[in-house]
Amino acid sequence: MVARGAIWWHEPHDEKRRPVLILSRNEGVAVLNQVIAVPATTVVRSIPTEVHLGRADGMPTECVLTLDNLRPVRTAHLTEHITTLDGARLAAVCEALAFAVDCS
């Protein structure tokens, strides 16, 4: 089931397959066709809007979530659950998001 804090493979027809973290609140996920997601990438820039993830987090490879690149994704394009972040990792994501959108 798609839920906040879960990372899924996102496979739209016109883009390459990529892991995304679901950020939308669970009440929204249950009723929306699109949810807010954070893409993962292996391009690490070591900036405050990135959250590093690795095998210990359940990811298939070392990567970062890039909070500067939030986007809506169709739930129909979420094909396979990869992992779910723990509370500490999700808190790091929220901190990076606050930095990305300048909310203090």
PDB file of N, CA and C in Angstrom:
ATOM      1  N   MET A   1       0.837  -1.178   0.000  1.00  0.00           N
ATOM      2  CA  MET A   1       0.000   0.000   0.000  1.00  0.00           C
ATOM      3  C   MET A   1       0.893   1.257   0.000  1.00  0.00           C
ATOM      4  N   VAL A   2       0.549   2.211  -0.826  1.00  0.00           N
ATOM      5  CA  VAL A   2       1.287   3.476  -0.891  1.00  0.00           C
ATOM      6  C   VAL A   2       0.990   4.264   0.383  1.00  0.00           C
ATOM      7  N   ALA A   3       2.049   4.752   1.044  1.00  0.00           N
ATOM      8  CA  ALA A   3       1.881   5.487   2.287  1.00  0.00           C
ATOM      9  C   ALA A   3       3.025   6.492   2.448  1.00  0.00           C
ATOM     10  N   ARG A   4       2.787   7.495   3.272  1.00  0.00           N
ATOM     11  CA  ARG A   4       3.821   8.499   3.563  1.00  0.00           C
ATOM     12  C   ARG A   4       5.040   7.807   4.170  1.00  0.00           C
ATOM     13  N   GLY A   5       6.220   8.192   3.684  1.00  0.00           N
ATOM     14  CA  GLY A   5       7.456   7.623   4.194  1.00  0.00           C
ATOM     15  C   GLY A   5       7.932   6.398   3.447  1.00  0.00           C
ATOM     16  N   ALA A   6       7.123   5.895   2.527  1.00  0.00           N
ATOM     17  CA  ALA A   6       7.509   4.720   1.745  1.00  0.00           C
ATOM     18  C   ALA A   6       8.255   5.147   0.483  1.00  0.00           C
ATOM     19  N   ILE A   7       9.186   4.324   0.057  1.00  0.00           N
ATOM     20  CA  ILE A   7       9.902   4.555  -1.191  1.00  0.00           C
ATOM     21  C   ILE A   7       9.481   3.480  -2.176  1.00  0.00           C
ATOM     22  N   TRP A   8       9.067   3.925  -3.356  1.00  0.00           N
ATOM     23  CA  TRP A   8       8.561   3.053  -4.418  1.00  0.00           C
ATOM     24  C   TRP A   8       9.337   3.290  -5.700  1.00  0.00           C
ATOM     25  N   TRP A   9       9.365   2.278  -6.556  1.00  0.00           N
ATOM     26  CA  TRP A   9       9.842   2.487  -7.919  1.00  0.00           C
ATOM     27  C   TRP A   9       8.761   3.230  -8.676  1.00  0.00           C
ATOM     28  N   HIS A  10       9.140   4.319  -9.315  1.00  0.00           N
ATOM     29  CA  HIS A  10       8.234   5.125 -10.129  1.00  0.00           C
ATOM     30  C   HIS A  10       8.594   4.863 -11.587  1.00  0.00           C
ATOM     31  N   GLU A  11       7.636   4.373 -12.369  1.00  0.00           N
ATOM     32  CA  GLU A  11       7.904   3.987 -13.753  1.00  0.00           C
ATOM     33  C   GLU A  11       6.877   4.580 -14.720  1.00  0.00           C
ATOM     34  N   PRO A  12       6.965   5.895 -14.965  1.00  0.00           N
ATOM     35  CA  PRO A  12       6.085   6.474 -15.986  1.00  0.00           C
ATOM     36  C   PRO A  12       6.532   6.025 -17.376  1.00  0.00           C
ATOM     37  N   HIS A  13       5.642   6.106 -18.328  1.00  0.00           N
ATOM     38  CA  HIS A  13       5.921   5.605 -19.676  1.00  0.00           C
ATOM     39  C   HIS A  13       7.027   6.383 -20.392  1.00  0.00           C
ATOM     40  N   ASP A  14       7.177   7.655 -20.084  1.00  0.00           N
ATOM     41  CA  ASP A  14       8.102   8.505 -20.838  1.00  0.00           C
ATOM     42  C   ASP A  14       9.360   8.905 -20.057  1.00  0.00           C
ATOM     43  N   GLU A  15       9.625   8.264 -18.921  1.00  0.00           N
ATOM     44  CA  GLU A  15      10.801   8.574 -18.114  1.00  0.00           C
ATOM     45  C   GLU A  15      11.459   7.281 -17.658  1.00  0.00           C
ATOM     46  N   LYS A  16      12.722   7.413 -17.206  1.00  0.00           N
ATOM     47  CA  LYS A  16      13.384   6.216 -16.696  1.00  0.00           C
ATOM     48  C   LYS A  16      12.871   5.870 -15.295  1.00  0.00           C
ATOM     49  N   ARG A  17      12.982   4.618 -14.961  1.00  0.00           N
ATOM     50  CA  ARG A  17      12.574   4.107 -13.655  1.00  0.00           C
ATOM     51  C   ARG A  17      13.444   4.751 -12.574  1.00  0.00           C
ATOM     52  N   ARG A  18      12.796   5.201 -11.485  1.00  0.00           N
ATOM     53  CA  ARG A  18      13.533   5.893 -10.427  1.00  0.00           C
ATOM     54  C   ARG A  18      12.803   5.690  -9.093  1.00  0.00           C
ATOM     55  N   PRO A  19      13.553   5.537  -8.000  1.00  0.00           N
ATOM     56  CA  PRO A  19      12.903   5.480  -6.689  1.00  0.00           C
ATOM     57  C   PRO A  19      12.390   6.865  -6.289  1.00  0.00           C
ATOM     58  N   VAL A  20      11.230   6.887  -5.648  1.00  0.00           N
ATOM     59  CA  VAL A  20      10.682   8.132  -5.115  1.00  0.00           C
ATOM     60  C   VAL A  20      10.160   7.886  -3.706  1.00  0.00           C
ATOM     61  N   LEU A  21      10.331   8.895  -2.860  1.00  0.00           N
ATOM     62  CA  LEU A  21       9.786   8.863  -1.508  1.00  0.00           C
ATOM     63  C   LEU A  21       8.431   9.548  -1.524  1.00  0.00           C
ATOM     64  N   ILE A  22       7.433   8.927  -0.928  1.00  0.00           N
ATOM     65  CA  ILE A  22       6.096   9.513  -0.844  1.00  0.00           C
ATOM     66  C   ILE A  22       6.049  10.458   0.359  1.00  0.00           C
ATOM     67  N   LEU A  23       5.701  11.726   0.095  1.00  0.00           N
ATOM     68  CA  LEU A  23       5.616  12.730   1.163  1.00  0.00           C
ATOM     69  C   LEU A  23       4.188  13.114   1.519  1.00  0.00           C
ATOM     70  N   SER A  24       3.242  12.891   0.630  1.00  0.00           N
ATOM     71  CA  SER A  24       1.853  13.269   0.914  1.00  0.00           C
ATOM     72  C   SER A  24       1.362  12.574   2.185  1.00  0.00           C
ATOM     73  N   ARG A  25       0.510  13.269   2.916  1.00  0.00           N
ATOM     74  CA  ARG A  25      -0.055  12.677   4.124  1.00  0.00           C
ATOM     75  C   ARG A  25      -0.938  11.483   3.744  1.00  0.00           C
ATOM     76  N   ASN A  26      -1.048  10.524   4.618  1.00  0.00           N
ATOM     77  CA  ASN A  26      -1.773   9.289   4.311  1.00  0.00           C
ATOM     78  C   ASN A  26      -3.235   9.523   3.951  1.00  0.00           C
ATOM     79  N   GLU A  27      -3.865  10.527   4.565  1.00  0.00           N
ATOM     80  CA  GLU A  27      -5.263  10.821   4.240  1.00  0.00           C
ATOM     81  C   GLU A  27      -5.395  11.246   2.774  1.00  0.00           C
ATOM     82  N   GLY A  28      -4.399  11.974   2.267  1.00  0.00           N
ATOM     83  CA  GLY A  28      -4.406  12.379   0.864  1.00  0.00           C
ATOM     84  C   GLY A  28      -4.085  11.223  -0.064  1.00  0.00           C
ATOM     85  N   VAL A  29      -3.120  10.406   0.322  1.00  0.00           N
ATOM     86  CA  VAL A  29      -2.726   9.262  -0.513  1.00  0.00           C
ATOM     87  C   VAL A  29      -3.935   8.370  -0.798  1.00  0.00           C
ATOM     88  N   ALA A  30      -4.793   8.218   0.191  1.00  0.00           N
ATOM     89  CA  ALA A  30      -5.938   7.323   0.059  1.00  0.00           C
ATOM     90  C   ALA A  30      -6.957   7.781  -0.986  1.00  0.00           C
ATOM     91  N   VAL A  31      -6.963   9.081  -1.312  1.00  0.00           N
ATOM     92  CA  VAL A  31      -8.009   9.585  -2.206  1.00  0.00           C
ATOM     93  C   VAL A  31      -7.491  10.279  -3.468  1.00  0.00           C
ATOM     94  N   LEU A  32      -6.191  10.478  -3.579  1.00  0.00           N
ATOM     95  CA  LEU A  32      -5.624  11.215  -4.710  1.00  0.00           C
ATOM     96  C   LEU A  32      -5.061  10.287  -5.782  1.00  0.00           C
ATOM     97  N   ASN A  33      -5.132  10.730  -7.028  1.00  0.00           N
ATOM     98  CA  ASN A  33      -4.506   9.999  -8.137  1.00  0.00           C
ATOM     99  C   ASN A  33      -3.028  10.344  -8.261  1.00  0.00           C
ATOM    100  N   GLN A  34      -2.641  11.509  -7.715  1.00  0.00           N
ATOM    101  CA  GLN A  34      -1.248  11.940  -7.710  1.00  0.00           C
ATOM    102  C   GLN A  34      -0.861  12.282  -6.273  1.00  0.00           C
ATOM    103  N   VAL A  35       0.398  11.998  -5.932  1.00  0.00           N
ATOM    104  CA  VAL A  35       0.908  12.308  -4.603  1.00  0.00           C
ATOM    105  C   VAL A  35       2.204  13.092  -4.747  1.00  0.00           C
ATOM    106  N   ILE A  36       2.588  13.796  -3.687  1.00  0.00           N
ATOM    107  CA  ILE A  36       3.845  14.532  -3.694  1.00  0.00           C
ATOM    108  C   ILE A  36       4.967  13.545  -3.396  1.00  0.00           C
ATOM    109  N   ALA A  37       6.007  13.579  -4.237  1.00  0.00           N
ATOM    110  CA  ALA A  37       7.102  12.632  -4.092  1.00  0.00           C
ATOM    111  C   ALA A  37       8.445  13.333  -4.228  1.00  0.00           C
ATOM    112  N   VAL A  38       9.466  12.692  -3.681  1.00  0.00           N
ATOM    113  CA  VAL A  38      10.839  13.176  -3.752  1.00  0.00           C
ATOM    114  C   VAL A  38      11.648  12.136  -4.523  1.00  0.00           C
ATOM    115  N   PRO A  39      12.257  12.513  -5.637  1.00  0.00           N
ATOM    116  CA  PRO A  39      13.048  11.544  -6.390  1.00  0.00           C
ATOM    117  C   PRO A  39      14.393  11.256  -5.723  1.00  0.00           C
ATOM    118  N   ALA A  40      14.876  10.056  -5.936  1.00  0.00           N
ATOM    119  CA  ALA A  40      16.219   9.685  -5.487  1.00  0.00           C
ATOM    120  C   ALA A  40      17.145   9.707  -6.698  1.00  0.00           C
ATOM    121  N   THR A  41      18.404  10.021  -6.441  1.00  0.00           N
ATOM    122  CA  THR A  41      19.405  10.054  -7.496  1.00  0.00           C
ATOM    123  C   THR A  41      20.745   9.594  -6.940  1.00  0.00           C
ATOM    124  N   THR A  42      21.593   9.107  -7.814  1.00  0.00           N
ATOM    125  CA  THR A  42      22.950   8.731  -7.402  1.00  0.00           C
ATOM    126  C   THR A  42      23.920   9.900  -7.567  1.00  0.00           C
ATOM    127  N   VAL A  43      23.436  11.022  -8.098  1.00  0.00           N
ATOM    128  CA  VAL A  43      24.260  12.228  -8.233  1.00  0.00           C
ATOM    129  C   VAL A  43      24.212  12.973  -6.901  1.00  0.00           C
ATOM    130  N   VAL A  44      25.303  12.909  -6.179  1.00  0.00           N
ATOM    131  CA  VAL A  44      25.383  13.522  -4.849  1.00  0.00           C
ATOM    132  C   VAL A  44      26.104  14.856  -4.952  1.00  0.00           C
ATOM    133  N   ARG A  45      25.441  15.920  -4.482  1.00  0.00           N
ATOM    134  CA  ARG A  45      26.043  17.251  -4.505  1.00  0.00           C
ATOM    135  C   ARG A  45      26.422  17.726  -3.110  1.00  0.00           C
ATOM    136  N   SER A  46      26.043  16.967  -2.088  1.00  0.00           N
ATOM    137  CA  SER A  46      26.350  17.306  -0.687  1.00  0.00           C
ATOM    138  C   SER A  46      25.863  18.695  -0.310  1.00  0.00           C
ATOM    139  N   ILE A  47      24.569  18.936  -0.558  1.00  0.00           N
ATOM    140  CA  ILE A  47      23.951  20.210  -0.211  1.00  0.00           C
ATOM    141  C   ILE A  47      22.864  19.968   0.843  1.00  0.00           C
ATOM    142  N   PRO A  48      22.452  21.000   1.563  1.00  0.00           N
ATOM    143  CA  PRO A  48      21.501  20.817   2.669  1.00  0.00           C
ATOM    144  C   PRO A  48      20.120  20.295   2.258  1.00  0.00           C
ATOM    145  N   THR A  49      19.804  20.318   0.981  1.00  0.00           N
ATOM    146  CA  THR A  49      18.495  19.848   0.532  1.00  0.00           C
ATOM    147  C   THR A  49      18.524  18.377   0.099  1.00  0.00           C
ATOM    148  N   GLU A  50      19.611  17.690   0.407  1.00  0.00           N
ATOM    149  CA  GLU A  50      19.725  16.260   0.099  1.00  0.00           C
ATOM    150  C   GLU A  50      19.715  15.449   1.389  1.00  0.00           C
ATOM    151  N   VAL A  51      19.157  14.260   1.306  1.00  0.00           N
ATOM    152  CA  VAL A  51      19.197  13.300   2.408  1.00  0.00           C
ATOM    153  C   VAL A  51      19.816  12.025   1.861  1.00  0.00           C
ATOM    154  N   HIS A  52      20.942  11.647   2.441  1.00  0.00           N
ATOM    155  CA  HIS A  52      21.663  10.460   1.982  1.00  0.00           C
ATOM    156  C   HIS A  52      20.964   9.194   2.462  1.00  0.00           C
ATOM    157  N   LEU A  53      20.817   8.229   1.563  1.00  0.00           N
ATOM    158  CA  LEU A  53      20.255   6.917   1.888  1.00  0.00           C
ATOM    159  C   LEU A  53      21.176   5.834   1.350  1.00  0.00           C
ATOM    160  N   GLY A  54      21.151   4.679   1.985  1.00  0.00           N
ATOM    161  CA  GLY A  54      21.973   3.566   1.531  1.00  0.00           C
ATOM    162  C   GLY A  54      21.333   2.233   1.828  1.00  0.00           C
ATOM    163  N   ARG A  55      22.128   1.203   1.754  1.00  0.00           N
ATOM    164  CA  ARG A  55      21.621  -0.153   1.982  1.00  0.00           C
ATOM    165  C   ARG A  55      21.033  -0.328   3.374  1.00  0.00           C
ATOM    166  N   ALA A  56      21.603   0.344   4.367  1.00  0.00           N
ATOM    167  CA  ALA A  56      21.075   0.258   5.735  1.00  0.00           C
ATOM    168  C   ALA A  56      19.647   0.797   5.822  1.00  0.00           C
ATOM    169  N   ASP A  57      19.278   1.669   4.886  1.00  0.00           N
ATOM    170  CA  ASP A  57      17.916   2.217   4.827  1.00  0.00           C
ATOM    171  C   ASP A  57      16.988   1.358   3.974  1.00  0.00           C
ATOM    172  N   GLY A  58      17.537   0.303   3.369  1.00  0.00           N
ATOM    173  CA  GLY A  58      16.732  -0.563   2.515  1.00  0.00           C
ATOM    174  C   GLY A  58      16.803  -0.229   1.042  1.00  0.00           C
ATOM    175  N   MET A  59      17.691   0.709   0.678  1.00  0.00           N
ATOM    176  CA  MET A  59      17.827   1.096  -0.728  1.00  0.00           C
ATOM    177  C   MET A  59      18.759   0.128  -1.457  1.00  0.00           C
ATOM    178  N   PRO A  60      18.536  -0.068  -2.750  1.00  0.00           N
ATOM    179  CA  PRO A  60      19.382  -0.993  -3.502  1.00  0.00           C
ATOM    180  C   PRO A  60      20.794  -0.470  -3.733  1.00  0.00           C
ATOM    181  N   THR A  61      20.993   0.847  -3.638  1.00  0.00           N
ATOM    182  CA  THR A  61      22.306   1.450  -3.847  1.00  0.00           C
ATOM    183  C   THR A  61      22.383   2.759  -3.076  1.00  0.00           C
ATOM    184  N   GLU A  62      23.580   3.270  -2.890  1.00  0.00           N
ATOM    185  CA  GLU A  62      23.765   4.563  -2.234  1.00  0.00           C
ATOM    186  C   GLU A  62      23.153   5.654  -3.121  1.00  0.00           C
ATOM    187  N   CYS A  63      22.429   6.583  -2.499  1.00  0.00           N
ATOM    188  CA  CYS A  63      21.772   7.640  -3.267  1.00  0.00           C
ATOM    189  C   CYS A  63      21.409   8.785  -2.330  1.00  0.00           C
ATOM    190  N   VAL A  64      20.806   9.811  -2.886  1.00  0.00           N
ATOM    191  CA  VAL A  64      20.265  10.905  -2.091  1.00  0.00           C
ATOM    192  C   VAL A  64      18.848  11.213  -2.568  1.00  0.00           C
ATOM    193  N   LEU A  65      18.031  11.666  -1.631  1.00  0.00           N
ATOM    194  CA  LEU A  65      16.732  12.241  -1.973  1.00  0.00           C
ATOM    195  C   LEU A  65      16.982  13.721  -2.189  1.00  0.00           C
ATOM    196  N   THR A  66      16.449  14.270  -3.257  1.00  0.00           N
ATOM    197  CA  THR A  66      16.693  15.672  -3.587  1.00  0.00           C
ATOM    198  C   THR A  66      15.423  16.488  -3.362  1.00  0.00           C
ATOM    199  N   LEU A  67      15.379  17.185  -2.234  1.00  0.00           N
ATOM    200  CA  LEU A  67      14.181  17.943  -1.874  1.00  0.00           C
ATOM    201  C   LEU A  67      13.965  19.171  -2.736  1.00  0.00           C
ATOM    202  N   ASP A  68      14.967  19.574  -3.512  1.00  0.00           N
ATOM    203  CA  ASP A  68      14.779  20.659  -4.465  1.00  0.00           C
ATOM    204  C   ASP A  68      13.938  20.221  -5.658  1.00  0.00           C
ATOM    205  N   ASN A  69      13.702  18.929  -5.789  1.00  0.00           N
ATOM    206  CA  ASN A  69      13.011  18.396  -6.967  1.00  0.00           C
ATOM    207  C   ASN A  69      11.698  17.707  -6.638  1.00  0.00           C
ATOM    208  N   LEU A  70      10.975  18.218  -5.656  1.00  0.00           N
ATOM    209  CA  LEU A  70       9.646  17.674  -5.347  1.00  0.00           C
ATOM    210  C   LEU A  70       8.792  17.660  -6.600  1.00  0.00           C
ATOM    211  N   ARG A  71       7.931  16.653  -6.708  1.00  0.00           N
ATOM    212  CA  ARG A  71       7.053  16.598  -7.878  1.00  0.00           C
ATOM    213  C   ARG A  71       5.841  15.734  -7.593  1.00  0.00           C
ATOM    214  N   PRO A  72       4.757  15.999  -8.298  1.00  0.00           N
ATOM    215  CA  PRO A  72       3.622  15.086  -8.189  1.00  0.00           C
ATOM    216  C   PRO A  72       3.893  13.849  -9.049  1.00  0.00           C
ATOM    217  N   VAL A  73       3.490  12.697  -8.552  1.00  0.00           N
ATOM    218  CA  VAL A  73       3.593  11.466  -9.346  1.00  0.00           C
ATOM    219  C   VAL A  73       2.252  10.745  -9.285  1.00  0.00           C
ATOM    220  N   ARG A  74       1.918  10.090 -10.362  1.00  0.00           N
ATOM    221  CA  ARG A  74       0.681   9.302 -10.404  1.00  0.00           C
ATOM    222  C   ARG A  74       0.893   8.001  -9.631  1.00  0.00           C
ATOM    223  N   THR A  75      -0.044   7.699  -8.762  1.00  0.00           N
ATOM    224  CA  THR A  75       0.074   6.463  -7.992  1.00  0.00           C
ATOM    225  C   THR A  75       0.026   5.237  -8.901  1.00  0.00           C
ATOM    226  N   ALA A  76      -0.599   5.371 -10.054  1.00  0.00           N
ATOM    227  CA  ALA A  76      -0.654   4.262 -11.006  1.00  0.00           C
ATOM    228  C   ALA A  76       0.727   3.904 -11.548  1.00  0.00           C
ATOM    229  N   HIS A  77       1.680   4.829 -11.452  1.00  0.00           N
ATOM    230  CA  HIS A  77       3.042   4.588 -11.947  1.00  0.00           C
ATOM    231  C   HIS A  77       3.990   4.100 -10.860  1.00  0.00           C
ATOM    232  N   LEU A  78       3.477   3.894  -9.658  1.00  0.00           N
ATOM    233  CA  LEU A  78       4.283   3.338  -8.570  1.00  0.00           C
ATOM    234  C   LEU A  78       4.162   1.824  -8.658  1.00  0.00           C
ATOM    235  N   THR A  79       5.261   1.166  -9.013  1.00  0.00           N
ATOM    236  CA  THR A  79       5.161  -0.244  -9.391  1.00  0.00           C
ATOM    237  C   THR A  79       5.614  -1.242  -8.334  1.00  0.00           C
ATOM    238  N   GLU A  80       6.559  -0.853  -7.479  1.00  0.00           N
ATOM    239  CA  GLU A  80       7.087  -1.814  -6.517  1.00  0.00           C
ATOM    240  C   GLU A  80       7.613  -1.086  -5.289  1.00  0.00           C
ATOM    241  N   HIS A  81       7.188  -1.539  -4.115  1.00  0.00           N
ATOM    242  CA  HIS A  81       7.663  -0.962  -2.858  1.00  0.00           C
ATOM    243  C   HIS A  81       9.119  -1.372  -2.633  1.00  0.00           C
ATOM    244  N   ILE A  82       9.957  -0.401  -2.272  1.00  0.00           N
ATOM    245  CA  ILE A  82      11.370  -0.676  -2.009  1.00  0.00           C
ATOM    246  C   ILE A  82      11.627  -0.768  -0.513  1.00  0.00           C
ATOM    247  N   THR A  83      11.237   0.261   0.234  1.00  0.00           N
ATOM    248  CA  THR A  83      11.480   0.317   1.671  1.00  0.00           C
ATOM    249  C   THR A  83      10.603   1.409   2.271  1.00  0.00           C
ATOM    250  N   THR A  84      10.601   1.487   3.585  1.00  0.00           N
ATOM    251  CA  THR A  84       9.923   2.568   4.297  1.00  0.00           C
ATOM    252  C   THR A  84      10.918   3.187   5.262  1.00  0.00           C
ATOM    253  N   LEU A  85      11.014   4.503   5.241  1.00  0.00           N
ATOM    254  CA  LEU A  85      11.974   5.196   6.094  1.00  0.00           C
ATOM    255  C   LEU A  85      11.518   5.197   7.550  1.00  0.00           C
ATOM    256  N   ASP A  86      12.489   5.132   8.464  1.00  0.00           N
ATOM    257  CA  ASP A  86      12.168   5.213   9.884  1.00  0.00           C
ATOM    258  C   ASP A  86      11.958   6.680  10.274  1.00  0.00           C
ATOM    259  N   GLY A  87      11.551   6.898  11.496  1.00  0.00           N
ATOM    260  CA  GLY A  87      11.235   8.250  11.958  1.00  0.00           C
ATOM    261  C   GLY A  87      12.393   9.226  11.877  1.00  0.00           C
ATOM    262  N   ALA A  88      13.605   8.759  12.186  1.00  0.00           N
ATOM    263  CA  ALA A  88      14.770   9.644  12.137  1.00  0.00           C
ATOM    264  C   ALA A  88      15.075  10.082  10.714  1.00  0.00           C
ATOM    265  N   ARG A  89      14.981   9.159   9.771  1.00  0.00           N
ATOM    266  CA  ARG A  89      15.239   9.505   8.362  1.00  0.00           C
ATOM    267  C   ARG A  89      14.153  10.436   7.843  1.00  0.00           C
ATOM    268  N   LEU A  90      12.900  10.179   8.217  1.00  0.00           N
ATOM    269  CA  LEU A  90      11.805  11.043   7.772  1.00  0.00           C
ATOM    270  C   LEU A  90      11.959  12.444   8.374  1.00  0.00           C
ATOM    271  N   ALA A  91      12.446  12.538   9.592  1.00  0.00           N
ATOM    272  CA  ALA A  91      12.710  13.847  10.202  1.00  0.00           C
ATOM    273  C   ALA A  91      13.799  14.583   9.432  1.00  0.00           C
ATOM    274  N   ALA A  92      14.831  13.863   8.963  1.00  0.00           N
ATOM    275  CA  ALA A  92      15.883  14.480   8.154  1.00  0.00           C
ATOM    276  C   ALA A  92      15.316  14.996   6.837  1.00  0.00           C
ATOM    277  N   VAL A  93      14.375  14.259   6.261  1.00  0.00           N
ATOM    278  CA  VAL A  93      13.717  14.694   5.025  1.00  0.00           C
ATOM    279  C   VAL A  93      12.943  15.985   5.290  1.00  0.00           C
ATOM    280  N   CYS A  94      12.202  16.047   6.390  1.00  0.00           N
ATOM    281  CA  CYS A  94      11.434  17.250   6.712  1.00  0.00           C
ATOM    282  C   CYS A  94      12.351  18.445   6.942  1.00  0.00           C
ATOM    283  N   GLU A  95      13.497  18.214   7.562  1.00  0.00           N
ATOM    284  CA  GLU A  95      14.473  19.290   7.770  1.00  0.00           C
ATOM    285  C   GLU A  95      15.018  19.797   6.432  1.00  0.00           C
ATOM    286  N   ALA A  96      15.351  18.873   5.526  1.00  0.00           N
ATOM    287  CA  ALA A  96      15.846  19.267   4.203  1.00  0.00           C
ATOM    288  C   ALA A  96      14.754  19.985   3.404  1.00  0.00           C
ATOM    289  N   LEU A  97      13.518  19.561   3.557  1.00  0.00           N
ATOM    290  CA  LEU A  97      12.403  20.217   2.876  1.00  0.00           C
ATOM    291  C   LEU A  97      12.234  21.643   3.388  1.00  0.00           C
ATOM    292  N   ALA A  98      12.304  21.824   4.697  1.00  0.00           N
ATOM    293  CA  ALA A  98      12.190  23.171   5.269  1.00  0.00           C
ATOM    294  C   ALA A  98      13.275  24.083   4.722  1.00  0.00           C
ATOM    295  N   PHE A  99      14.480  23.545   4.566  1.00  0.00           N
ATOM    296  CA  PHE A  99      15.574  24.326   3.973  1.00  0.00           C
ATOM    297  C   PHE A  99      15.288  24.649   2.515  1.00  0.00           C
ATOM    298  N   ALA A 100      14.790  23.652   1.768  1.00  0.00           N
ATOM    299  CA  ALA A 100      14.535  23.826   0.335  1.00  0.00           C
ATOM    300  C   ALA A 100      13.492  24.899   0.054  1.00  0.00           C
ATOM    301  N   VAL A 101      12.484  25.001   0.913  1.00  0.00           N
ATOM    302  CA  VAL A 101      11.412  25.969   0.676  1.00  0.00           C
ATOM    303  C   VAL A 101      11.500  27.168   1.598  1.00  0.00           C
ATOM    304  N   ASP A 102      12.612  27.266   2.330  1.00  0.00           N
ATOM    305  CA  ASP A 102      12.900  28.397   3.214  1.00  0.00           C
ATOM    306  C   ASP A 102      11.832  28.601   4.280  1.00  0.00           C
ATOM    307  N   CYS A 103      11.392  27.479   4.899  1.00  0.00           N
ATOM    308  CA  CYS A 103      10.480  27.534   6.027  1.00  0.00           C
ATOM    309  C   CYS A 103      11.270  27.261   7.296  1.00  0.00           C
ATOM    310  N   SER A 104      11.292  28.241   8.183  1.00  0.00           N
ATOM    311  CA  SER A 104      12.058  28.030   9.410  1.00  0.00           C
ATOM    312  C   SER A 104      11.175  27.998  10.622  1.00  0.00           C
TER     313      SER A 104
END
